[in-house]
Amino acid sequence: MGITDRAFGQEQVQKAKEAYDYAVEQLEIGMRQEHYNDIEYSQAQAGVEEALIELEKVANLANAENKDEFYRLRRQLTQLQHQMIITPH
């Protein structure tokens, strides 16, 4: 990955981590308050989906070490995404 690609990749990782943190927060709120945060919950789900798409794009440009980091982050996001789908909110 070139310097520009590396910066872009790190930016996508940061955005994905922020989407993950926001989604976890909304999942926890949703579990406590049920239907009171539907809009935020949906936004968090959309953020997770967008992060997954962007990480997939940069993973194709990454070296082996970075691919591993992207893979782990994508796996965390996918697990969270599934948890958000099956959890009543």
N, C-alpha and C. Protein backbone atom coordinates (compact mmCIF):
# COMPACT_ATOMS: atom_id res chain seq x y z
N MET A 1 0.84 -1.17 0.00
CA MET A 1 0.00 0.00 0.00
C MET A 1 0.88 1.24 0.00
N GLY A 2 0.62 2.17 -0.90
CA GLY A 2 1.36 3.42 -0.92
C GLY A 2 0.94 4.32 0.24
N ILE A 3 1.65 5.43 0.37
CA ILE A 3 1.38 6.34 1.50
C ILE A 3 -0.05 6.85 1.46
N THR A 4 -0.55 7.20 0.28
CA THR A 4 -1.92 7.68 0.16
C THR A 4 -2.90 6.57 0.48
N ASP A 5 -2.64 5.38 -0.05
CA ASP A 5 -3.49 4.23 0.24
C ASP A 5 -3.46 3.91 1.73
N ARG A 6 -2.29 4.00 2.35
CA ARG A 6 -2.17 3.70 3.77
C ARG A 6 -2.99 4.69 4.60
N ALA A 7 -2.88 5.97 4.25
CA ALA A 7 -3.65 7.00 4.96
C ALA A 7 -5.15 6.76 4.78
N PHE A 8 -5.55 6.43 3.56
CA PHE A 8 -6.95 6.14 3.30
C PHE A 8 -7.41 4.92 4.08
N GLY A 9 -6.57 3.89 4.11
CA GLY A 9 -6.89 2.68 4.85
C GLY A 9 -7.05 2.95 6.33
N GLN A 10 -6.14 3.75 6.90
CA GLN A 10 -6.24 4.07 8.32
C GLN A 10 -7.47 4.93 8.61
N GLU A 11 -7.81 5.80 7.67
CA GLU A 11 -9.02 6.61 7.82
C GLU A 11 -10.26 5.71 7.85
N GLN A 12 -10.28 4.70 6.98
CA GLN A 12 -11.42 3.78 6.94
C GLN A 12 -11.48 2.94 8.22
N VAL A 13 -10.32 2.55 8.74
CA VAL A 13 -10.29 1.80 10.00
C VAL A 13 -10.85 2.67 11.11
N GLN A 14 -10.45 3.92 11.17
CA GLN A 14 -10.95 4.82 12.21
C GLN A 14 -12.46 5.00 12.09
N LYS A 15 -12.94 5.22 10.88
CA LYS A 15 -14.39 5.37 10.67
C LYS A 15 -15.13 4.10 11.08
N ALA A 16 -14.56 2.94 10.76
CA ALA A 16 -15.19 1.68 11.12
C ALA A 16 -15.25 1.51 12.64
N LYS A 17 -14.17 1.89 13.32
CA LYS A 17 -14.16 1.79 14.78
C LYS A 17 -15.19 2.74 15.40
N GLU A 18 -15.32 3.92 14.83
CA GLU A 18 -16.33 4.87 15.32
C GLU A 18 -17.73 4.32 15.08
N ALA A 19 -17.97 3.72 13.92
CA ALA A 19 -19.27 3.12 13.62
C ALA A 19 -19.56 1.98 14.59
N TYR A 20 -18.53 1.20 14.89
CA TYR A 20 -18.67 0.08 15.83
C TYR A 20 -19.04 0.60 17.22
N ASP A 21 -18.31 1.59 17.70
CA ASP A 21 -18.57 2.14 19.03
C ASP A 21 -19.98 2.72 19.12
N TYR A 22 -20.40 3.45 18.09
CA TYR A 22 -21.73 4.04 18.08
C TYR A 22 -22.80 2.95 18.07
N ALA A 23 -22.58 1.92 17.27
CA ALA A 23 -23.55 0.82 17.18
C ALA A 23 -23.66 0.07 18.51
N VAL A 24 -22.52 -0.16 19.17
CA VAL A 24 -22.55 -0.82 20.48
C VAL A 24 -23.36 0.03 21.46
N GLU A 25 -23.12 1.32 21.45
CA GLU A 25 -23.86 2.23 22.34
C GLU A 25 -25.36 2.16 22.05
N GLN A 26 -25.75 2.18 20.79
CA GLN A 26 -27.16 2.13 20.43
C GLN A 26 -27.77 0.77 20.75
N LEU A 27 -27.00 -0.29 20.60
CA LEU A 27 -27.48 -1.63 20.97
C LEU A 27 -27.77 -1.69 22.46
N GLU A 28 -26.85 -1.16 23.26
CA GLU A 28 -27.04 -1.16 24.72
C GLU A 28 -28.25 -0.31 25.11
N ILE A 29 -28.40 0.86 24.50
CA ILE A 29 -29.55 1.72 24.77
C ILE A 29 -30.84 1.00 24.34
N GLY A 30 -30.80 0.41 23.17
CA GLY A 30 -31.98 -0.29 22.65
C GLY A 30 -32.41 -1.44 23.54
N MET A 31 -31.45 -2.13 24.12
CA MET A 31 -31.78 -3.25 25.00
C MET A 31 -32.42 -2.75 26.30
N ARG A 32 -32.06 -1.55 26.73
CA ARG A 32 -32.63 -0.99 27.97
C ARG A 32 -33.96 -0.30 27.73
N GLN A 33 -34.06 0.42 26.62
CA GLN A 33 -35.22 1.28 26.41
C GLN A 33 -36.20 0.76 25.37
N GLU A 34 -35.90 -0.33 24.77
CA GLU A 34 -36.71 -0.92 23.73
C GLU A 34 -36.91 0.03 22.55
N HIS A 35 -38.13 0.49 22.27
CA HIS A 35 -38.41 1.18 21.01
C HIS A 35 -38.17 2.68 21.02
N TYR A 36 -37.45 3.20 21.98
CA TYR A 36 -37.30 4.65 22.07
C TYR A 36 -36.15 5.21 21.25
N ASN A 37 -35.34 4.38 20.68
CA ASN A 37 -34.20 4.89 19.90
C ASN A 37 -34.15 4.29 18.50
N ASP A 38 -35.31 4.06 17.89
CA ASP A 38 -35.37 3.40 16.59
C ASP A 38 -34.55 4.12 15.51
N ILE A 39 -34.63 5.45 15.47
CA ILE A 39 -33.91 6.19 14.42
C ILE A 39 -32.40 6.04 14.62
N GLU A 40 -31.93 6.25 15.83
CA GLU A 40 -30.50 6.12 16.10
C GLU A 40 -30.02 4.68 15.87
N TYR A 41 -30.86 3.73 16.24
CA TYR A 41 -30.52 2.32 16.06
C TYR A 41 -30.36 2.01 14.57
N SER A 42 -31.30 2.50 13.77
CA SER A 42 -31.22 2.28 12.32
C SER A 42 -30.00 2.98 11.72
N GLN A 43 -29.70 4.18 12.21
CA GLN A 43 -28.51 4.89 11.74
C GLN A 43 -27.24 4.12 12.10
N ALA A 44 -27.22 3.55 13.28
CA ALA A 44 -26.06 2.76 13.70
C ALA A 44 -25.90 1.53 12.82
N GLN A 45 -27.01 0.87 12.49
CA GLN A 45 -26.95 -0.29 11.61
C GLN A 45 -26.44 0.10 10.22
N ALA A 46 -26.90 1.23 9.72
CA ALA A 46 -26.45 1.72 8.41
C ALA A 46 -24.96 2.06 8.46
N GLY A 47 -24.51 2.63 9.56
CA GLY A 47 -23.09 2.95 9.71
C GLY A 47 -22.22 1.71 9.72
N VAL A 48 -22.70 0.66 10.36
CA VAL A 48 -21.95 -0.60 10.38
C VAL A 48 -21.88 -1.17 8.96
N GLU A 49 -22.99 -1.16 8.25
CA GLU A 49 -23.01 -1.67 6.88
C GLU A 49 -22.06 -0.88 5.98
N GLU A 50 -22.08 0.44 6.09
CA GLU A 50 -21.19 1.28 5.29
C GLU A 50 -19.72 1.00 5.64
N ALA A 51 -19.43 0.85 6.91
CA ALA A 51 -18.07 0.55 7.34
C ALA A 51 -17.59 -0.77 6.75
N LEU A 52 -18.46 -1.77 6.74
CA LEU A 52 -18.10 -3.06 6.17
C LEU A 52 -17.77 -2.94 4.67
N ILE A 53 -18.55 -2.18 3.96
CA ILE A 53 -18.33 -1.99 2.53
C ILE A 53 -16.99 -1.28 2.28
N GLU A 54 -16.74 -0.22 3.05
CA GLU A 54 -15.49 0.54 2.87
C GLU A 54 -14.27 -0.30 3.25
N LEU A 55 -14.38 -1.07 4.32
CA LEU A 55 -13.25 -1.92 4.72
C LEU A 55 -12.95 -2.98 3.65
N GLU A 56 -13.98 -3.47 3.02
CA GLU A 56 -13.79 -4.45 1.95
C GLU A 56 -12.98 -3.84 0.80
N LYS A 57 -13.27 -2.58 0.49
CA LYS A 57 -12.56 -1.89 -0.58
C LYS A 57 -11.07 -1.74 -0.24
N VAL A 58 -10.78 -1.26 0.96
CA VAL A 58 -9.37 -1.02 1.31
C VAL A 58 -8.62 -2.31 1.60
N ALA A 59 -9.32 -3.35 2.00
CA ALA A 59 -8.65 -4.62 2.27
C ALA A 59 -7.99 -5.17 1.01
N ASN A 60 -8.58 -4.88 -0.13
CA ASN A 60 -8.01 -5.34 -1.40
C ASN A 60 -6.69 -4.65 -1.73
N LEU A 61 -6.45 -3.47 -1.13
CA LEU A 61 -5.23 -2.72 -1.37
C LEU A 61 -4.15 -3.00 -0.32
N ALA A 62 -4.50 -3.68 0.73
CA ALA A 62 -3.64 -3.78 1.91
C ALA A 62 -2.60 -4.88 1.78
N ASN A 63 -1.52 -4.70 2.58
CA ASN A 63 -0.53 -5.77 2.69
C ASN A 63 -1.04 -6.81 3.69
N ALA A 64 -0.29 -7.88 3.89
CA ALA A 64 -0.75 -8.99 4.73
C ALA A 64 -1.07 -8.55 6.16
N GLU A 65 -0.21 -7.72 6.75
CA GLU A 65 -0.43 -7.27 8.12
C GLU A 65 -1.71 -6.45 8.24
N ASN A 66 -1.89 -5.52 7.31
CA ASN A 66 -3.09 -4.69 7.32
C ASN A 66 -4.34 -5.50 7.00
N LYS A 67 -4.21 -6.47 6.10
CA LYS A 67 -5.36 -7.32 5.77
C LYS A 67 -5.86 -8.03 7.02
N ASP A 68 -4.93 -8.47 7.87
CA ASP A 68 -5.32 -9.14 9.10
C ASP A 68 -6.11 -8.19 10.00
N GLU A 69 -5.64 -6.95 10.13
CA GLU A 69 -6.36 -5.95 10.93
C GLU A 69 -7.74 -5.69 10.35
N PHE A 70 -7.84 -5.53 9.04
CA PHE A 70 -9.13 -5.30 8.39
C PHE A 70 -10.05 -6.49 8.60
N TYR A 71 -9.50 -7.70 8.48
CA TYR A 71 -10.30 -8.91 8.66
C TYR A 71 -10.88 -8.96 10.08
N ARG A 72 -10.05 -8.69 11.08
CA ARG A 72 -10.53 -8.73 12.47
C ARG A 72 -11.62 -7.68 12.70
N LEU A 73 -11.42 -6.50 12.18
CA LEU A 73 -12.40 -5.44 12.35
C LEU A 73 -13.69 -5.77 11.61
N ARG A 74 -13.58 -6.29 10.41
CA ARG A 74 -14.78 -6.70 9.66
C ARG A 74 -15.54 -7.79 10.40
N ARG A 75 -14.81 -8.72 11.00
CA ARG A 75 -15.46 -9.80 11.75
C ARG A 75 -16.21 -9.23 12.96
N GLN A 76 -15.59 -8.29 13.68
CA GLN A 76 -16.27 -7.65 14.81
C GLN A 76 -17.53 -6.92 14.36
N LEU A 77 -17.41 -6.19 13.27
CA LEU A 77 -18.56 -5.45 12.75
C LEU A 77 -19.68 -6.39 12.31
N THR A 78 -19.32 -7.49 11.67
CA THR A 78 -20.31 -8.46 11.22
C THR A 78 -21.02 -9.10 12.41
N GLN A 79 -20.27 -9.44 13.44
CA GLN A 79 -20.88 -10.02 14.64
C GLN A 79 -21.83 -9.01 15.29
N LEU A 80 -21.41 -7.76 15.37
CA LEU A 80 -22.27 -6.72 15.93
C LEU A 80 -23.51 -6.53 15.08
N GLN A 81 -23.34 -6.53 13.79
CA GLN A 81 -24.46 -6.37 12.87
C GLN A 81 -25.49 -7.48 13.12
N HIS A 82 -25.05 -8.70 13.26
CA HIS A 82 -25.96 -9.82 13.52
C HIS A 82 -26.64 -9.66 14.88
N GLN A 83 -25.87 -9.23 15.88
CA GLN A 83 -26.44 -9.02 17.20
C GLN A 83 -27.54 -7.96 17.17
N MET A 84 -27.31 -6.91 16.40
CA MET A 84 -28.30 -5.83 16.29
C MET A 84 -29.57 -6.33 15.60
N ILE A 85 -29.43 -7.25 14.67
CA ILE A 85 -30.59 -7.78 13.95
C ILE A 85 -31.43 -8.66 14.87
N ILE A 86 -30.79 -9.50 15.66
CA ILE A 86 -31.54 -10.45 16.48
C ILE A 86 -32.00 -9.92 17.82
N THR A 87 -31.47 -8.77 18.24
CA THR A 87 -31.83 -8.20 19.55
C THR A 87 -33.06 -7.33 19.42
N PRO A 88 -34.09 -7.61 20.23
CA PRO A 88 -35.25 -6.71 20.24
C PRO A 88 -34.82 -5.34 20.74
N HIS A 89 -35.30 -4.31 20.08
CA HIS A 89 -34.95 -2.94 20.48
C HIS A 89 -36.16 -2.05 20.45
